[in-house]
Protein backbone atom coordinates (compact mmCIF):
# COMPACT_ATOMS: atom_id res chain seq x y z
CA UNK A 1 0.00 0.00 0.00
CA UNK A 2 1.35 3.43 -0.94
CA UNK A 3 1.40 6.22 1.66
CA UNK A 4 -1.13 9.03 1.27
CA UNK A 5 -0.13 12.02 -0.83
CA UNK A 6 1.65 14.71 1.13
CA UNK A 7 0.67 18.28 0.39
CA UNK A 8 1.30 21.07 2.92
CA UNK A 9 2.95 24.48 3.40
CA UNK A 10 6.20 25.50 5.06
CA UNK A 11 7.98 28.82 5.57
CA UNK A 12 11.70 29.34 4.89
CA UNK A 13 13.96 32.37 4.53
CA UNK A 14 15.69 32.63 1.17
CA UNK A 15 17.91 35.57 0.24
CA UNK A 16 16.79 37.25 3.47
CA UNK A 17 13.13 37.05 2.44
CA UNK A 18 10.47 34.87 4.06
CA UNK A 19 8.95 32.53 1.47
CA UNK A 20 5.88 30.33 1.76
CA UNK A 21 6.29 27.02 -0.07
CA UNK A 22 3.76 24.40 -0.98
CA UNK A 23 5.44 21.00 -0.65
CA UNK A 24 4.19 17.99 -2.62
CA UNK A 25 5.58 14.47 -2.34
CA UNK A 26 6.34 12.99 -5.75
CA UNK A 27 6.27 9.35 -6.76
CA UNK A 28 9.65 8.04 -7.89
CA UNK A 29 10.70 4.82 -9.55
CA UNK A 30 13.24 4.19 -6.76
CA UNK A 31 10.63 4.38 -3.97
CA UNK A 32 12.66 7.18 -2.35
CA UNK A 33 10.43 10.12 -1.41
CA UNK A 34 11.15 13.26 -3.41
CA UNK A 35 9.56 16.60 -2.58
CA UNK A 36 8.69 19.38 -5.01
CA UNK A 37 8.55 22.92 -3.62
CA UNK A 38 6.23 25.47 -5.21
CA UNK A 39 5.72 29.18 -4.83
CA UNK A 40 2.27 29.78 -6.24
CA UNK A 41 1.93 27.46 -9.23
CA UNK A 42 5.66 27.55 -10.07
CA UNK A 43 7.84 24.61 -9.08
CA UNK A 44 11.11 26.09 -7.90
CA UNK A 45 13.06 23.08 -6.59
CA UNK A 46 13.04 19.41 -5.74
CA UNK A 47 14.63 17.82 -2.67
CA UNK A 48 15.09 14.38 -1.21
CA UNK A 49 16.72 12.85 1.82
CA UNK A 50 19.57 10.61 0.78
CA UNK A 51 20.27 7.24 2.39
CA UNK A 52 23.24 8.75 4.27
CA UNK A 53 20.84 11.15 6.05
CA UNK A 54 21.57 14.46 4.32
CA UNK A 55 19.02 16.41 2.30
CA UNK A 56 20.07 17.14 -1.28
CA UNK A 57 18.51 19.21 -4.02
CA UNK A 58 17.75 17.39 -7.23
CA UNK A 59 17.52 20.72 -9.00
CA UNK A 60 16.98 24.37 -8.14
CA UNK A 61 19.12 27.12 -6.67
CA UNK A 62 19.60 26.89 -2.91
CA UNK A 63 22.51 26.96 -0.50
CA UNK A 64 23.11 23.90 1.68
CA UNK A 65 21.86 25.54 4.91
CA UNK A 66 18.52 26.37 3.29
CA UNK A 67 18.23 22.86 1.84
CA UNK A 68 18.81 21.33 5.29
CA UNK A 69 16.31 23.73 6.89
CA UNK A 70 13.60 22.93 4.34
CA UNK A 71 14.40 19.22 4.79
CA UNK A 72 13.96 19.53 8.56
CA UNK A 73 10.59 21.24 8.01
CA UNK A 74 9.55 18.38 5.71
CA UNK A 75 10.58 15.85 8.37
CA UNK A 76 8.48 17.65 10.99
CA UNK A 77 5.44 17.36 8.70
CA UNK A 78 6.05 13.75 7.65
CA UNK A 79 7.25 12.11 10.88
CA UNK A 80 4.48 10.77 13.11
CA UNK A 81 4.44 12.20 16.66
PDB file of N, CA and C in Angstrom:
ATOM      1  N   UNK A   1       0.836  -1.180   0.000  1.00  0.00           N
ATOM      2  CA  UNK A   1       0.000   0.000   0.000  1.00  0.00           C
ATOM      3  C   UNK A   1       0.883   1.247   0.000  1.00  0.00           C
ATOM      4  N   UNK A   2       0.575   2.200  -0.852  1.00  0.00           N
ATOM      5  CA  UNK A   2       1.352   3.431  -0.937  1.00  0.00           C
ATOM      6  C   UNK A   2       0.875   4.415   0.125  1.00  0.00           C
ATOM      7  N   UNK A   3       1.810   5.221   0.658  1.00  0.00           N
ATOM      8  CA  UNK A   3       1.403   6.220   1.658  1.00  0.00           C
ATOM      9  C   UNK A   3       0.524   7.291   1.018  1.00  0.00           C
ATOM     10  N   UNK A   4      -0.280   7.979   1.827  1.00  0.00           N
ATOM     11  CA  UNK A   4      -1.129   9.030   1.270  1.00  0.00           C
ATOM     12  C   UNK A   4      -0.274  10.167   0.727  1.00  0.00           C
ATOM     13  N   UNK A   5      -0.829  10.878  -0.238  1.00  0.00           N
ATOM     14  CA  UNK A   5      -0.126  12.017  -0.829  1.00  0.00           C
ATOM     15  C   UNK A   5       0.127  13.066   0.244  1.00  0.00           C
ATOM     16  N   UNK A   6       1.283  13.666   0.179  1.00  0.00           N
ATOM     17  CA  UNK A   6       1.651  14.707   1.128  1.00  0.00           C
ATOM     18  C   UNK A   6       1.577  16.041   0.403  1.00  0.00           C
ATOM     19  N   UNK A   7       0.886  16.975   0.995  1.00  0.00           N
ATOM     20  CA  UNK A   7       0.673  18.280   0.386  1.00  0.00           C
ATOM     21  C   UNK A   7       0.446  19.259   1.535  1.00  0.00           C
ATOM     22  N   UNK A   8       1.406  20.144   1.799  1.00  0.00           N
ATOM     23  CA  UNK A   8       1.302  21.065   2.919  1.00  0.00           C
ATOM     24  C   UNK A   8       2.177  22.279   2.642  1.00  0.00           C
ATOM     25  N   UNK A   9       2.186  23.241   3.564  1.00  0.00           N
ATOM     26  CA  UNK A   9       2.955  24.476   3.400  1.00  0.00           C
ATOM     27  C   UNK A   9       4.007  24.599   4.487  1.00  0.00           C
ATOM     28  N   UNK A  10       5.145  25.168   4.105  1.00  0.00           N
ATOM     29  CA  UNK A  10       6.205  25.497   5.062  1.00  0.00           C
ATOM     30  C   UNK A  10       6.682  26.914   4.765  1.00  0.00           C
ATOM     31  N   UNK A  11       7.409  27.482   5.724  1.00  0.00           N
ATOM     32  CA  UNK A  11       7.981  28.821   5.569  1.00  0.00           C
ATOM     33  C   UNK A  11       9.487  28.702   5.732  1.00  0.00           C
ATOM     34  N   UNK A  12      10.240  29.321   4.810  1.00  0.00           N
ATOM     35  CA  UNK A  12      11.699  29.339   4.887  1.00  0.00           C
ATOM     36  C   UNK A  12      12.190  30.708   4.437  1.00  0.00           C
ATOM     37  N   UNK A  13      13.348  31.104   4.934  1.00  0.00           N
ATOM     38  CA  UNK A  13      13.957  32.368   4.526  1.00  0.00           C
ATOM     39  C   UNK A  13      14.977  32.096   3.432  1.00  0.00           C
ATOM     40  N   UNK A  14      14.790  32.773   2.306  1.00  0.00           N
ATOM     41  CA  UNK A  14      15.689  32.629   1.166  1.00  0.00           C
ATOM     42  C   UNK A  14      16.086  34.032   0.724  1.00  0.00           C
ATOM     43  N   UNK A  15      17.391  34.243   0.608  1.00  0.00           N
ATOM     44  CA  UNK A  15      17.908  35.570   0.243  1.00  0.00           C
ATOM     45  C   UNK A  15      17.318  36.650   1.153  1.00  0.00           C
ATOM     46  N   UNK A  16      17.275  36.335   2.448  1.00  0.00           N
ATOM     47  CA  UNK A  16      16.795  37.254   3.470  1.00  0.00           C
ATOM     48  C   UNK A  16      15.328  37.635   3.321  1.00  0.00           C
ATOM     49  N   UNK A  17      14.554  36.818   2.585  1.00  0.00           N
ATOM     50  CA  UNK A  17      13.126  37.054   2.441  1.00  0.00           C
ATOM     51  C   UNK A  17      12.365  35.800   2.859  1.00  0.00           C
ATOM     52  N   UNK A  18      11.305  35.990   3.633  1.00  0.00           N
ATOM     53  CA  UNK A  18      10.474  34.874   4.056  1.00  0.00           C
ATOM     54  C   UNK A  18       9.636  34.406   2.865  1.00  0.00           C
ATOM     55  N   UNK A  19       9.700  33.111   2.583  1.00  0.00           N
ATOM     56  CA  UNK A  19       8.953  32.527   1.470  1.00  0.00           C
ATOM     57  C   UNK A  19       8.029  31.438   1.991  1.00  0.00           C
ATOM     58  N   UNK A  20       6.853  31.358   1.436  1.00  0.00           N
ATOM     59  CA  UNK A  20       5.883  30.326   1.761  1.00  0.00           C
ATOM     60  C   UNK A  20       5.880  29.318   0.615  1.00  0.00           C
ATOM     61  N   UNK A  21       6.196  28.066   0.932  1.00  0.00           N
ATOM     62  CA  UNK A  21       6.287  27.016  -0.069  1.00  0.00           C
ATOM     63  C   UNK A  21       5.166  26.015   0.108  1.00  0.00           C
ATOM     64  N   UNK A  22       4.631  25.577  -0.988  1.00  0.00           N
ATOM     65  CA  UNK A  22       3.763  24.402  -0.979  1.00  0.00           C
ATOM     66  C   UNK A  22       4.689  23.227  -1.277  1.00  0.00           C
ATOM     67  N   UNK A  23       4.600  22.171  -0.477  1.00  0.00           N
ATOM     68  CA  UNK A  23       5.444  20.996  -0.651  1.00  0.00           C
ATOM     69  C   UNK A  23       4.545  19.829  -1.049  1.00  0.00           C
ATOM     70  N   UNK A  24       4.945  19.129  -2.120  1.00  0.00           N
ATOM     71  CA  UNK A  24       4.192  17.988  -2.623  1.00  0.00           C
ATOM     72  C   UNK A  24       5.144  16.810  -2.753  1.00  0.00           C
ATOM     73  N   UNK A  25       4.752  15.668  -2.189  1.00  0.00           N
ATOM     74  CA  UNK A  25       5.579  14.469  -2.337  1.00  0.00           C
ATOM     75  C   UNK A  25       5.327  13.881  -3.719  1.00  0.00           C
ATOM     76  N   UNK A  26       6.423  13.568  -4.412  1.00  0.00           N
ATOM     77  CA  UNK A  26       6.341  12.989  -5.747  1.00  0.00           C
ATOM     78  C   UNK A  26       6.589  11.495  -5.700  1.00  0.00           C
ATOM     79  N   UNK A  27       5.998  10.772  -6.611  1.00  0.00           N
ATOM     80  CA  UNK A  27       6.268   9.350  -6.759  1.00  0.00           C
ATOM     81  C   UNK A  27       7.542   9.186  -7.576  1.00  0.00           C
ATOM     82  N   UNK A  28       8.425   8.299  -7.146  1.00  0.00           N
ATOM     83  CA  UNK A  28       9.650   8.039  -7.885  1.00  0.00           C
ATOM     84  C   UNK A  28       9.738   6.556  -8.197  1.00  0.00           C
ATOM     85  N   UNK A  29      10.522   6.223  -9.190  1.00  0.00           N
ATOM     86  CA  UNK A  29      10.695   4.817  -9.553  1.00  0.00           C
ATOM     87  C   UNK A  29      11.551   4.081  -8.538  1.00  0.00           C
ATOM     88  N   UNK A  30      12.360   4.809  -7.755  1.00  0.00           N
ATOM     89  CA  UNK A  30      13.241   4.189  -6.761  1.00  0.00           C
ATOM     90  C   UNK A  30      12.574   4.005  -5.402  1.00  0.00           C
ATOM     91  N   UNK A  31      11.327   4.423  -5.254  1.00  0.00           N
ATOM     92  CA  UNK A  31      10.626   4.378  -3.969  1.00  0.00           C
ATOM     93  C   UNK A  31      11.323   5.198  -2.891  1.00  0.00           C
ATOM     94  N   UNK A  32      12.035   6.243  -3.286  1.00  0.00           N
ATOM     95  CA  UNK A  32      12.655   7.184  -2.352  1.00  0.00           C
ATOM     96  C   UNK A  32      11.835   8.468  -2.443  1.00  0.00           C
ATOM     97  N   UNK A  33      11.255   8.918  -1.332  1.00  0.00           N
ATOM     98  CA  UNK A  33      10.433  10.125  -1.405  1.00  0.00           C
ATOM     99  C   UNK A  33      11.215  11.322  -1.935  1.00  0.00           C
ATOM    100  N   UNK A  34      10.597  12.032  -2.828  1.00  0.00           N
ATOM    101  CA  UNK A  34      11.148  13.256  -3.409  1.00  0.00           C
ATOM    102  C   UNK A  34      10.079  14.321  -3.208  1.00  0.00           C
ATOM    103  N   UNK A  35      10.501  15.542  -2.908  1.00  0.00           N
ATOM    104  CA  UNK A  35       9.557  16.598  -2.580  1.00  0.00           C
ATOM    105  C   UNK A  35       9.759  17.779  -3.517  1.00  0.00           C
ATOM    106  N   UNK A  36       8.676  18.202  -4.157  1.00  0.00           N
ATOM    107  CA  UNK A  36       8.691  19.380  -5.014  1.00  0.00           C
ATOM    108  C   UNK A  36       8.218  20.568  -4.195  1.00  0.00           C
ATOM    109  N   UNK A  37       8.909  21.696  -4.341  1.00  0.00           N
ATOM    110  CA  UNK A  37       8.553  22.923  -3.624  1.00  0.00           C
ATOM    111  C   UNK A  37       8.033  23.936  -4.629  1.00  0.00           C
ATOM    112  N   UNK A  38       6.884  24.507  -4.334  1.00  0.00           N
ATOM    113  CA  UNK A  38       6.233  25.466  -5.212  1.00  0.00           C
ATOM    114  C   UNK A  38       6.054  26.795  -4.504  1.00  0.00           C
ATOM    115  N   UNK A  39       6.190  27.861  -5.249  1.00  0.00           N
ATOM    116  CA  UNK A  39       5.724  29.180  -4.831  1.00  0.00           C
ATOM    117  C   UNK A  39       4.641  29.528  -5.831  1.00  0.00           C
ATOM    118  N   UNK A  40       3.416  29.640  -5.331  1.00  0.00           N
ATOM    119  CA  UNK A  40       2.272  29.780  -6.241  1.00  0.00           C
ATOM    120  C   UNK A  40       2.146  28.502  -7.048  1.00  0.00           C
ATOM    121  N   UNK A  41       2.039  28.619  -8.351  1.00  0.00           N
ATOM    122  CA  UNK A  41       1.933  27.458  -9.227  1.00  0.00           C
ATOM    123  C   UNK A  41       3.277  27.067  -9.839  1.00  0.00           C
ATOM    124  N   UNK A  42       4.345  27.779  -9.471  1.00  0.00           N
ATOM    125  CA  UNK A  42       5.659  27.552 -10.071  1.00  0.00           C
ATOM    126  C   UNK A  42       6.511  26.633  -9.209  1.00  0.00           C
ATOM    127  N   UNK A  43       6.936  25.513  -9.785  1.00  0.00           N
ATOM    128  CA  UNK A  43       7.835  24.611  -9.080  1.00  0.00           C
ATOM    129  C   UNK A  43       9.235  25.214  -9.125  1.00  0.00           C
ATOM    130  N   UNK A  44       9.827  25.400  -7.940  1.00  0.00           N
ATOM    131  CA  UNK A  44      11.114  26.089  -7.900  1.00  0.00           C
ATOM    132  C   UNK A  44      12.278  25.188  -7.509  1.00  0.00           C
ATOM    133  N   UNK A  45      11.981  24.010  -6.938  1.00  0.00           N
ATOM    134  CA  UNK A  45      13.064  23.084  -6.591  1.00  0.00           C
ATOM    135  C   UNK A  45      12.493  21.740  -6.205  1.00  0.00           C
ATOM    136  N   UNK A  46      13.380  20.733  -6.220  1.00  0.00           N
ATOM    137  CA  UNK A  46      13.040  19.405  -5.736  1.00  0.00           C
ATOM    138  C   UNK A  46      14.133  18.950  -4.787  1.00  0.00           C
ATOM    139  N   UNK A  47      13.713  18.301  -3.701  1.00  0.00           N
ATOM    140  CA  UNK A  47      14.633  17.820  -2.669  1.00  0.00           C
ATOM    141  C   UNK A  47      14.327  16.369  -2.340  1.00  0.00           C
ATOM    142  N   UNK A  48      15.340  15.686  -1.813  1.00  0.00           N
ATOM    143  CA  UNK A  48      15.086  14.376  -1.215  1.00  0.00           C
ATOM    144  C   UNK A  48      16.145  14.099  -0.172  1.00  0.00           C
ATOM    145  N   UNK A  49      15.781  13.239   0.775  1.00  0.00           N
ATOM    146  CA  UNK A  49      16.716  12.847   1.824  1.00  0.00           C
ATOM    147  C   UNK A  49      17.453  11.610   1.340  1.00  0.00           C
ATOM    148  N   UNK A  50      18.759  11.713   1.267  1.00  0.00           N
ATOM    149  CA  UNK A  50      19.574  10.614   0.779  1.00  0.00           C
ATOM    150  C   UNK A  50      19.727   9.543   1.854  1.00  0.00           C
ATOM    151  N   UNK A  51      20.141   8.366   1.459  1.00  0.00           N
ATOM    152  CA  UNK A  51      20.270   7.245   2.391  1.00  0.00           C
ATOM    153  C   UNK A  51      21.288   7.522   3.492  1.00  0.00           C
ATOM    154  N   UNK A  52      22.240   8.414   3.256  1.00  0.00           N
ATOM    155  CA  UNK A  52      23.236   8.751   4.272  1.00  0.00           C
ATOM    156  C   UNK A  52      22.742   9.838   5.217  1.00  0.00           C
ATOM    157  N   UNK A  53      21.459  10.259   5.075  1.00  0.00           N
ATOM    158  CA  UNK A  53      20.837  11.145   6.047  1.00  0.00           C
ATOM    159  C   UNK A  53      20.830  12.622   5.719  1.00  0.00           C
ATOM    160  N   UNK A  54      21.495  13.046   4.669  1.00  0.00           N
ATOM    161  CA  UNK A  54      21.568  14.459   4.319  1.00  0.00           C
ATOM    162  C   UNK A  54      20.536  14.777   3.233  1.00  0.00           C
ATOM    163  N   UNK A  55      19.940  15.954   3.331  1.00  0.00           N
ATOM    164  CA  UNK A  55      19.022  16.415   2.300  1.00  0.00           C
ATOM    165  C   UNK A  55      19.822  16.985   1.137  1.00  0.00           C
ATOM    166  N   UNK A  56      19.402  16.659  -0.072  1.00  0.00           N
ATOM    167  CA  UNK A  56      20.067  17.143  -1.283  1.00  0.00           C
ATOM    168  C   UNK A  56      19.023  17.701  -2.235  1.00  0.00           C
ATOM    169  N   UNK A  57      19.420  18.707  -2.990  1.00  0.00           N
ATOM    170  CA  UNK A  57      18.515  19.212  -4.019  1.00  0.00           C
ATOM    171  C   UNK A  57      18.740  18.395  -5.283  1.00  0.00           C
ATOM    172  N   UNK A  58      17.660  18.071  -5.951  1.00  0.00           N
ATOM    173  CA  UNK A  58      17.754  17.391  -7.231  1.00  0.00           C
ATOM    174  C   UNK A  58      17.924  18.430  -8.333  1.00  0.00           C
ATOM    175  N   UNK A  59      17.298  19.566  -8.143  1.00  0.00           N
ATOM    176  CA  UNK A  59      17.515  20.723  -9.004  1.00  0.00           C
ATOM    177  C   UNK A  59      16.962  21.949  -8.292  1.00  0.00           C
ATOM    178  N   UNK A  60      17.383  23.108  -8.745  1.00  0.00           N
ATOM    179  CA  UNK A  60      16.982  24.371  -8.135  1.00  0.00           C
ATOM    180  C   UNK A  60      18.196  25.060  -7.546  1.00  0.00           C
ATOM    181  N   UNK A  61      18.033  26.295  -7.184  1.00  0.00           N
ATOM    182  CA  UNK A  61      19.116  27.116  -6.667  1.00  0.00           C
ATOM    183  C   UNK A  61      18.930  27.378  -5.188  1.00  0.00           C
ATOM    184  N   UNK A  62      19.655  26.665  -4.352  1.00  0.00           N
ATOM    185  CA  UNK A  62      19.601  26.894  -2.908  1.00  0.00           C
ATOM    186  C   UNK A  62      20.949  26.574  -2.293  1.00  0.00           C
ATOM    187  N   UNK A  63      21.293  27.298  -1.232  1.00  0.00           N
ATOM    188  CA  UNK A  63      22.508  26.958  -0.497  1.00  0.00           C
ATOM    189  C   UNK A  63      22.215  25.782   0.425  1.00  0.00           C
ATOM    190  N   UNK A  64      23.257  25.110   0.879  1.00  0.00           N
ATOM    191  CA  UNK A  64      23.109  23.904   1.683  1.00  0.00           C
ATOM    192  C   UNK A  64      22.338  24.142   2.978  1.00  0.00           C
ATOM    193  N   UNK A  65      22.584  25.271   3.663  1.00  0.00           N
ATOM    194  CA  UNK A  65      21.859  25.542   4.912  1.00  0.00           C
ATOM    195  C   UNK A  65      20.358  25.625   4.684  1.00  0.00           C
ATOM    196  N   UNK A  66      19.939  26.252   3.597  1.00  0.00           N
ATOM    197  CA  UNK A  66      18.517  26.370   3.289  1.00  0.00           C
ATOM    198  C   UNK A  66      17.939  25.007   2.934  1.00  0.00           C
ATOM    199  N   UNK A  67      18.682  24.210   2.183  1.00  0.00           N
ATOM    200  CA  UNK A  67      18.229  22.856   1.841  1.00  0.00           C
ATOM    201  C   UNK A  67      17.996  22.044   3.107  1.00  0.00           C
ATOM    202  N   UNK A  68      18.945  22.098   4.048  1.00  0.00           N
ATOM    203  CA  UNK A  68      18.814  21.335   5.291  1.00  0.00           C
ATOM    204  C   UNK A  68      17.641  21.847   6.130  1.00  0.00           C
ATOM    205  N   UNK A  69      17.430  23.161   6.143  1.00  0.00           N
ATOM    206  CA  UNK A  69      16.313  23.732   6.892  1.00  0.00           C
ATOM    207  C   UNK A  69      14.982  23.269   6.302  1.00  0.00           C
ATOM    208  N   UNK A  70      14.832  23.370   4.989  1.00  0.00           N
ATOM    209  CA  UNK A  70      13.597  22.927   4.341  1.00  0.00           C
ATOM    210  C   UNK A  70      13.398  21.430   4.595  1.00  0.00           C
ATOM    211  N   UNK A  71      14.479  20.658   4.503  1.00  0.00           N
ATOM    212  CA  UNK A  71      14.395  19.224   4.787  1.00  0.00           C
ATOM    213  C   UNK A  71      13.910  18.953   6.206  1.00  0.00           C
ATOM    214  N   UNK A  72      14.399  19.731   7.171  1.00  0.00           N
ATOM    215  CA  UNK A  72      13.959  19.528   8.559  1.00  0.00           C
ATOM    216  C   UNK A  72      12.477  19.877   8.708  1.00  0.00           C
ATOM    217  N   UNK A  73      12.015  20.885   7.981  1.00  0.00           N
ATOM    218  CA  UNK A  73      10.593  21.238   8.007  1.00  0.00           C
ATOM    219  C   UNK A  73       9.748  20.118   7.394  1.00  0.00           C
ATOM    220  N   UNK A  74      10.247  19.515   6.328  1.00  0.00           N
ATOM    221  CA  UNK A  74       9.550  18.383   5.708  1.00  0.00           C
ATOM    222  C   UNK A  74       9.471  17.228   6.694  1.00  0.00           C
ATOM    223  N   UNK A  75      10.573  16.946   7.392  1.00  0.00           N
ATOM    224  CA  UNK A  75      10.584  15.846   8.369  1.00  0.00           C
ATOM    225  C   UNK A  75       9.574  16.091   9.481  1.00  0.00           C
ATOM    226  N   UNK A  76       9.465  17.332   9.947  1.00  0.00           N
ATOM    227  CA  UNK A  76       8.480  17.654  10.990  1.00  0.00           C
ATOM    228  C   UNK A  76       7.068  17.336  10.518  1.00  0.00           C
ATOM    229  N   UNK A  77       6.790  17.586   9.242  1.00  0.00           N
ATOM    230  CA  UNK A  77       5.443  17.356   8.700  1.00  0.00           C
ATOM    231  C   UNK A  77       5.192  15.883   8.403  1.00  0.00           C
ATOM    232  N   UNK A  78       6.240  15.125   8.108  1.00  0.00           N
ATOM    233  CA  UNK A  78       6.050  13.750   7.653  1.00  0.00           C
ATOM    234  C   UNK A  78       6.325  12.690   8.708  1.00  0.00           C
ATOM    235  N   UNK A  79       6.925  13.080   9.826  1.00  0.00           N
ATOM    236  CA  UNK A  79       7.248  12.113  10.877  1.00  0.00           C
ATOM    237  C   UNK A  79       6.114  12.057  11.886  1.00  0.00           C
ATOM    238  N   UNK A  80       5.581  10.857  12.119  1.00  0.00           N
ATOM    239  CA  UNK A  80       4.484  10.768  13.107  1.00  0.00           C
ATOM    240  C   UNK A  80       4.963  11.184  14.501  1.00  0.00           C
ATOM    241  N   UNK A  81       4.049  11.765  15.314  1.00  0.00           N
ATOM    242  CA  UNK A  81       4.437  12.204  16.659  1.00  0.00           C
ATOM    243  C   UNK A  81       4.789  11.052  17.565  1.00  0.00           C
TER     244      UNK A  81
END
